[in-house]
Amino acid sequence: MTTLYEKLGGKEAISKVVDHFYDKVLADETVNHFFENTDMEKQRRHQTQFISWAVGGLNQYSGRSMEKAHEGLNLQEEHFTAIANHLASSLQAFQVEQGDINQVLDKVASMKEQILHH
């Protein structure tokens, strides 16, 4: 059976989606301030590894836990929604099927409690 990771085109394709995603995030005043002091090259690498794992690729993610990565940021529902919407539109920009986008968003939503309110 083909994993969503393979269907999306593997790490290289996911890396392009992540670049598109962060272009949107950094242009969004709702959430861009969270990344003011962030090494964006490192952040893009981590996010590519994380999404690759989340869609069935090998687990090469070695970053901090979701709780630790978002600790003290006081992230709220509106921030989570903005990020999820940017991810969805970035996947759409690369002609990913809606059912596959929903699968990615479901995975992200399953981690919502680990990300918010820490």
N, C-alpha and C. Protein backbone atom coordinates (compact mmCIF):
# COMPACT_ATOMS: atom_id res chain seq x y z
N MET A 1 0.83 -1.19 0.00
CA MET A 1 0.00 0.00 0.00
C MET A 1 0.88 1.26 0.00
N THR A 2 0.51 2.20 -0.79
CA THR A 2 1.25 3.45 -0.89
C THR A 2 0.93 4.34 0.30
N THR A 3 1.96 4.85 0.96
CA THR A 3 1.72 5.78 2.07
C THR A 3 1.42 7.16 1.50
N LEU A 4 0.82 7.99 2.32
CA LEU A 4 0.56 9.37 1.91
C LEU A 4 1.88 10.07 1.63
N TYR A 5 2.91 9.72 2.38
CA TYR A 5 4.26 10.27 2.16
C TYR A 5 4.70 10.02 0.71
N GLU A 6 4.53 8.79 0.26
CA GLU A 6 4.92 8.44 -1.12
C GLU A 6 4.00 9.14 -2.13
N LYS A 7 2.73 9.18 -1.81
CA LYS A 7 1.75 9.80 -2.71
C LYS A 7 2.04 11.29 -2.90
N LEU A 8 2.49 11.94 -1.83
CA LEU A 8 2.80 13.37 -1.91
C LEU A 8 4.11 13.64 -2.65
N GLY A 9 4.92 12.63 -2.83
CA GLY A 9 6.17 12.81 -3.57
C GLY A 9 7.42 12.75 -2.73
N GLY A 10 7.29 12.30 -1.47
CA GLY A 10 8.46 12.15 -0.62
C GLY A 10 8.98 13.46 -0.05
N LYS A 11 10.15 13.36 0.55
CA LYS A 11 10.73 14.48 1.30
C LYS A 11 10.96 15.72 0.44
N GLU A 12 11.41 15.54 -0.78
CA GLU A 12 11.70 16.70 -1.64
C GLU A 12 10.42 17.50 -1.91
N ALA A 13 9.34 16.81 -2.24
CA ALA A 13 8.07 17.48 -2.50
C ALA A 13 7.53 18.13 -1.23
N ILE A 14 7.64 17.43 -0.12
CA ILE A 14 7.15 17.97 1.15
C ILE A 14 7.96 19.21 1.53
N SER A 15 9.24 19.21 1.25
CA SER A 15 10.08 20.38 1.51
C SER A 15 9.58 21.60 0.75
N LYS A 16 9.13 21.42 -0.47
CA LYS A 16 8.59 22.53 -1.27
C LYS A 16 7.29 23.05 -0.67
N VAL A 17 6.45 22.13 -0.21
CA VAL A 17 5.20 22.53 0.45
C VAL A 17 5.53 23.33 1.72
N VAL A 18 6.52 22.87 2.49
CA VAL A 18 6.92 23.55 3.72
C VAL A 18 7.43 24.96 3.41
N ASP A 19 8.22 25.12 2.37
CA ASP A 19 8.69 26.46 1.99
C ASP A 19 7.51 27.37 1.67
N HIS A 20 6.57 26.88 0.91
CA HIS A 20 5.36 27.64 0.55
C HIS A 20 4.58 27.99 1.82
N PHE A 21 4.44 27.01 2.71
CA PHE A 21 3.75 27.18 3.98
C PHE A 21 4.37 28.31 4.81
N TYR A 22 5.69 28.29 4.95
CA TYR A 22 6.33 29.33 5.77
C TYR A 22 6.30 30.69 5.11
N ASP A 23 6.26 30.75 3.79
CA ASP A 23 6.07 32.04 3.12
C ASP A 23 4.73 32.64 3.55
N LYS A 24 3.71 31.80 3.62
CA LYS A 24 2.38 32.25 4.05
C LYS A 24 2.38 32.63 5.53
N VAL A 25 2.98 31.79 6.36
CA VAL A 25 3.01 32.03 7.80
C VAL A 25 3.73 33.34 8.12
N LEU A 26 4.86 33.56 7.49
CA LEU A 26 5.66 34.75 7.79
C LEU A 26 5.00 36.03 7.27
N ALA A 27 4.05 35.90 6.35
CA ALA A 27 3.31 37.05 5.84
C ALA A 27 2.04 37.32 6.65
N ASP A 28 1.74 36.45 7.60
CA ASP A 28 0.50 36.53 8.37
C ASP A 28 0.76 37.15 9.74
N GLU A 29 0.23 38.36 9.96
CA GLU A 29 0.47 39.07 11.23
C GLU A 29 -0.15 38.38 12.44
N THR A 30 -1.07 37.44 12.20
CA THR A 30 -1.68 36.69 13.30
C THR A 30 -0.65 35.79 13.98
N VAL A 31 0.29 35.27 13.19
CA VAL A 31 1.22 34.27 13.72
C VAL A 31 2.70 34.55 13.47
N ASN A 32 3.04 35.49 12.60
CA ASN A 32 4.46 35.65 12.23
C ASN A 32 5.35 36.09 13.39
N HIS A 33 4.78 36.75 14.39
CA HIS A 33 5.60 37.19 15.53
C HIS A 33 6.18 36.01 16.34
N PHE A 34 5.56 34.84 16.22
CA PHE A 34 6.09 33.67 16.91
C PHE A 34 7.43 33.21 16.32
N PHE A 35 7.74 33.69 15.13
CA PHE A 35 8.95 33.25 14.43
C PHE A 35 10.02 34.34 14.32
N GLU A 36 9.85 35.44 15.04
CA GLU A 36 10.78 36.57 14.95
C GLU A 36 12.22 36.19 15.27
N ASN A 37 12.42 35.32 16.25
CA ASN A 37 13.77 34.95 16.66
C ASN A 37 14.08 33.50 16.32
N THR A 38 13.52 33.03 15.22
CA THR A 38 13.66 31.63 14.83
C THR A 38 14.62 31.49 13.66
N ASP A 39 15.49 30.52 13.74
CA ASP A 39 16.35 30.14 12.62
C ASP A 39 15.44 29.44 11.61
N MET A 40 15.00 30.16 10.59
CA MET A 40 13.98 29.62 9.69
C MET A 40 14.50 28.48 8.82
N GLU A 41 15.78 28.46 8.53
CA GLU A 41 16.32 27.33 7.77
C GLU A 41 16.18 26.04 8.59
N LYS A 42 16.55 26.14 9.85
CA LYS A 42 16.43 24.99 10.76
C LYS A 42 14.95 24.63 10.95
N GLN A 43 14.11 25.65 11.12
CA GLN A 43 12.68 25.43 11.31
C GLN A 43 12.07 24.71 10.11
N ARG A 44 12.45 25.11 8.91
CA ARG A 44 11.92 24.48 7.70
C ARG A 44 12.38 23.02 7.61
N ARG A 45 13.62 22.75 7.99
CA ARG A 45 14.12 21.37 8.00
C ARG A 45 13.34 20.50 8.99
N HIS A 46 13.16 21.02 10.19
CA HIS A 46 12.42 20.29 11.21
C HIS A 46 10.98 20.04 10.77
N GLN A 47 10.36 21.06 10.20
CA GLN A 47 8.96 20.92 9.77
C GLN A 47 8.84 19.90 8.63
N THR A 48 9.82 19.89 7.73
CA THR A 48 9.81 18.91 6.64
C THR A 48 9.92 17.50 7.21
N GLN A 49 10.81 17.31 8.17
CA GLN A 49 10.96 16.00 8.81
C GLN A 49 9.68 15.62 9.56
N PHE A 50 9.11 16.58 10.25
CA PHE A 50 7.91 16.31 11.02
C PHE A 50 6.74 15.93 10.12
N ILE A 51 6.48 16.71 9.08
CA ILE A 51 5.37 16.40 8.18
C ILE A 51 5.63 15.10 7.45
N SER A 52 6.87 14.85 7.08
CA SER A 52 7.21 13.58 6.42
C SER A 52 6.82 12.41 7.33
N TRP A 53 7.16 12.51 8.61
CA TRP A 53 6.78 11.47 9.57
C TRP A 53 5.27 11.40 9.72
N ALA A 54 4.62 12.55 9.81
CA ALA A 54 3.18 12.60 10.05
C ALA A 54 2.37 11.96 8.92
N VAL A 55 2.93 11.92 7.72
CA VAL A 55 2.21 11.35 6.58
C VAL A 55 2.75 9.98 6.18
N GLY A 56 3.50 9.35 7.08
CA GLY A 56 3.89 7.97 6.86
C GLY A 56 5.30 7.73 6.39
N GLY A 57 6.11 8.77 6.34
CA GLY A 57 7.51 8.58 5.99
C GLY A 57 8.28 8.08 7.20
N LEU A 58 9.55 7.81 7.02
CA LEU A 58 10.38 7.36 8.14
C LEU A 58 10.45 8.44 9.21
N ASN A 59 10.50 8.03 10.44
CA ASN A 59 10.59 8.99 11.53
C ASN A 59 12.03 9.47 11.66
N GLN A 60 12.31 10.58 11.00
CA GLN A 60 13.64 11.20 11.10
C GLN A 60 13.57 12.46 11.95
N TYR A 61 12.40 12.70 12.53
CA TYR A 61 12.21 13.89 13.36
C TYR A 61 12.89 13.67 14.70
N SER A 62 13.82 14.55 15.01
CA SER A 62 14.54 14.42 16.28
C SER A 62 14.47 15.71 17.08
N GLY A 63 13.49 16.54 16.74
CA GLY A 63 13.34 17.80 17.45
C GLY A 63 12.68 17.61 18.80
N ARG A 64 12.37 18.71 19.43
CA ARG A 64 11.73 18.69 20.73
C ARG A 64 10.30 18.15 20.60
N SER A 65 9.74 17.70 21.70
CA SER A 65 8.36 17.24 21.70
C SER A 65 7.45 18.42 21.35
N MET A 66 6.23 18.11 20.96
CA MET A 66 5.27 19.18 20.65
C MET A 66 5.09 20.11 21.84
N GLU A 67 4.97 19.53 23.03
CA GLU A 67 4.80 20.36 24.23
C GLU A 67 5.99 21.29 24.43
N LYS A 68 7.19 20.74 24.36
CA LYS A 68 8.41 21.54 24.58
C LYS A 68 8.59 22.60 23.50
N ALA A 69 8.33 22.24 22.26
CA ALA A 69 8.53 23.18 21.15
C ALA A 69 7.61 24.39 21.23
N HIS A 70 6.45 24.22 21.87
CA HIS A 70 5.46 25.30 21.91
C HIS A 70 5.25 25.87 23.32
N GLU A 71 6.08 25.41 24.25
CA GLU A 71 5.97 25.82 25.65
C GLU A 71 6.18 27.32 25.80
N GLY A 72 5.30 27.95 26.57
CA GLY A 72 5.46 29.37 26.89
C GLY A 72 5.04 30.32 25.78
N LEU A 73 4.57 29.81 24.67
CA LEU A 73 4.17 30.68 23.56
C LEU A 73 2.74 31.20 23.71
N ASN A 74 1.99 30.57 24.62
CA ASN A 74 0.60 30.96 24.84
C ASN A 74 -0.20 30.91 23.53
N LEU A 75 -0.03 29.83 22.80
CA LEU A 75 -0.76 29.66 21.54
C LEU A 75 -2.24 29.43 21.83
N GLN A 76 -3.06 30.07 21.03
CA GLN A 76 -4.50 29.98 21.19
C GLN A 76 -5.13 29.34 19.95
N GLU A 77 -6.41 29.09 20.05
CA GLU A 77 -7.17 28.47 18.97
C GLU A 77 -6.98 29.21 17.64
N GLU A 78 -7.01 30.55 17.67
CA GLU A 78 -6.88 31.32 16.44
C GLU A 78 -5.51 31.09 15.77
N HIS A 79 -4.48 30.91 16.57
CA HIS A 79 -3.14 30.66 16.02
C HIS A 79 -3.09 29.28 15.38
N PHE A 80 -3.65 28.30 16.08
CA PHE A 80 -3.68 26.94 15.57
C PHE A 80 -4.44 26.89 14.24
N THR A 81 -5.59 27.55 14.21
CA THR A 81 -6.42 27.58 13.00
C THR A 81 -5.69 28.25 11.84
N ALA A 82 -5.01 29.35 12.11
CA ALA A 82 -4.27 30.06 11.06
C ALA A 82 -3.19 29.15 10.47
N ILE A 83 -2.46 28.46 11.33
CA ILE A 83 -1.40 27.56 10.86
C ILE A 83 -1.99 26.41 10.05
N ALA A 84 -3.07 25.82 10.55
CA ALA A 84 -3.72 24.72 9.82
C ALA A 84 -4.22 25.18 8.46
N ASN A 85 -4.79 26.37 8.41
CA ASN A 85 -5.28 26.91 7.13
C ASN A 85 -4.13 27.15 6.15
N HIS A 86 -3.00 27.64 6.65
CA HIS A 86 -1.84 27.86 5.77
C HIS A 86 -1.30 26.53 5.25
N LEU A 87 -1.32 25.52 6.11
CA LEU A 87 -0.87 24.20 5.68
C LEU A 87 -1.80 23.65 4.60
N ALA A 88 -3.10 23.76 4.83
CA ALA A 88 -4.07 23.27 3.85
C ALA A 88 -3.92 23.98 2.51
N SER A 89 -3.80 25.31 2.53
CA SER A 89 -3.69 26.04 1.26
C SER A 89 -2.35 25.77 0.57
N SER A 90 -1.31 25.49 1.36
CA SER A 90 -0.02 25.14 0.76
C SER A 90 -0.11 23.79 0.07
N LEU A 91 -0.79 22.84 0.69
CA LEU A 91 -0.97 21.52 0.07
C LEU A 91 -1.84 21.66 -1.19
N GLN A 92 -2.87 22.50 -1.12
CA GLN A 92 -3.72 22.73 -2.30
C GLN A 92 -2.92 23.34 -3.44
N ALA A 93 -1.99 24.22 -3.12
CA ALA A 93 -1.17 24.87 -4.14
C ALA A 93 -0.34 23.86 -4.93
N PHE A 94 -0.08 22.70 -4.31
CA PHE A 94 0.68 21.65 -4.98
C PHE A 94 -0.23 20.52 -5.47
N GLN A 95 -1.50 20.86 -5.67
CA GLN A 95 -2.50 19.94 -6.23
C GLN A 95 -2.67 18.64 -5.44
N VAL A 96 -2.53 18.72 -4.14
CA VAL A 96 -2.78 17.55 -3.30
C VAL A 96 -4.30 17.39 -3.20
N GLU A 97 -4.77 16.16 -3.33
CA GLU A 97 -6.21 15.89 -3.27
C GLU A 97 -6.77 16.24 -1.90
N GLN A 98 -8.03 16.69 -1.89
CA GLN A 98 -8.67 17.13 -0.65
C GLN A 98 -8.69 16.03 0.41
N GLY A 99 -8.94 14.79 0.02
CA GLY A 99 -8.95 13.69 0.98
C GLY A 99 -7.60 13.53 1.65
N ASP A 100 -6.52 13.73 0.90
CA ASP A 100 -5.17 13.64 1.46
C ASP A 100 -4.87 14.82 2.37
N ILE A 101 -5.35 16.00 1.97
CA ILE A 101 -5.19 17.19 2.82
C ILE A 101 -5.90 16.96 4.15
N ASN A 102 -7.11 16.41 4.08
CA ASN A 102 -7.87 16.13 5.30
C ASN A 102 -7.11 15.17 6.21
N GLN A 103 -6.43 14.20 5.61
CA GLN A 103 -5.65 13.23 6.39
C GLN A 103 -4.51 13.93 7.13
N VAL A 104 -3.83 14.85 6.44
CA VAL A 104 -2.75 15.62 7.07
C VAL A 104 -3.32 16.48 8.19
N LEU A 105 -4.42 17.17 7.93
CA LEU A 105 -5.02 18.04 8.95
C LEU A 105 -5.53 17.24 10.15
N ASP A 106 -6.04 16.04 9.90
CA ASP A 106 -6.47 15.18 11.01
C ASP A 106 -5.29 14.83 11.91
N LYS A 107 -4.14 14.56 11.30
CA LYS A 107 -2.93 14.23 12.06
C LYS A 107 -2.50 15.43 12.91
N VAL A 108 -2.53 16.61 12.29
CA VAL A 108 -2.17 17.83 13.02
C VAL A 108 -3.18 18.07 14.15
N ALA A 109 -4.46 17.91 13.86
CA ALA A 109 -5.50 18.13 14.87
C ALA A 109 -5.34 17.17 16.05
N SER A 110 -4.83 15.98 15.79
CA SER A 110 -4.65 15.01 16.88
C SER A 110 -3.58 15.47 17.87
N MET A 111 -2.78 16.44 17.50
CA MET A 111 -1.72 16.95 18.38
C MET A 111 -2.06 18.31 18.97
N LYS A 112 -3.25 18.77 18.71
CA LYS A 112 -3.67 20.11 19.11
C LYS A 112 -3.47 20.36 20.61
N GLU A 113 -3.89 19.44 21.43
CA GLU A 113 -3.77 19.63 22.88
C GLU A 113 -2.32 19.70 23.34
N GLN A 114 -1.43 19.05 22.62
CA GLN A 114 0.00 19.09 22.96
C GLN A 114 0.62 20.44 22.57
N ILE A 115 -0.01 21.12 21.61
CA ILE A 115 0.53 22.36 21.06
C ILE A 115 -0.01 23.59 21.79
N LEU A 116 -1.30 23.59 22.10
CA LEU A 116 -1.95 24.78 22.68
C LEU A 116 -1.81 24.86 24.19
N HIS A 117 -1.86 26.10 24.67
CA HIS A 117 -2.02 26.43 26.10
C HIS A 117 -0.91 25.88 27.00
N HIS A 118 0.31 25.84 26.55
CA HIS A 118 1.41 25.36 27.41
C HIS A 118 2.23 26.52 27.91
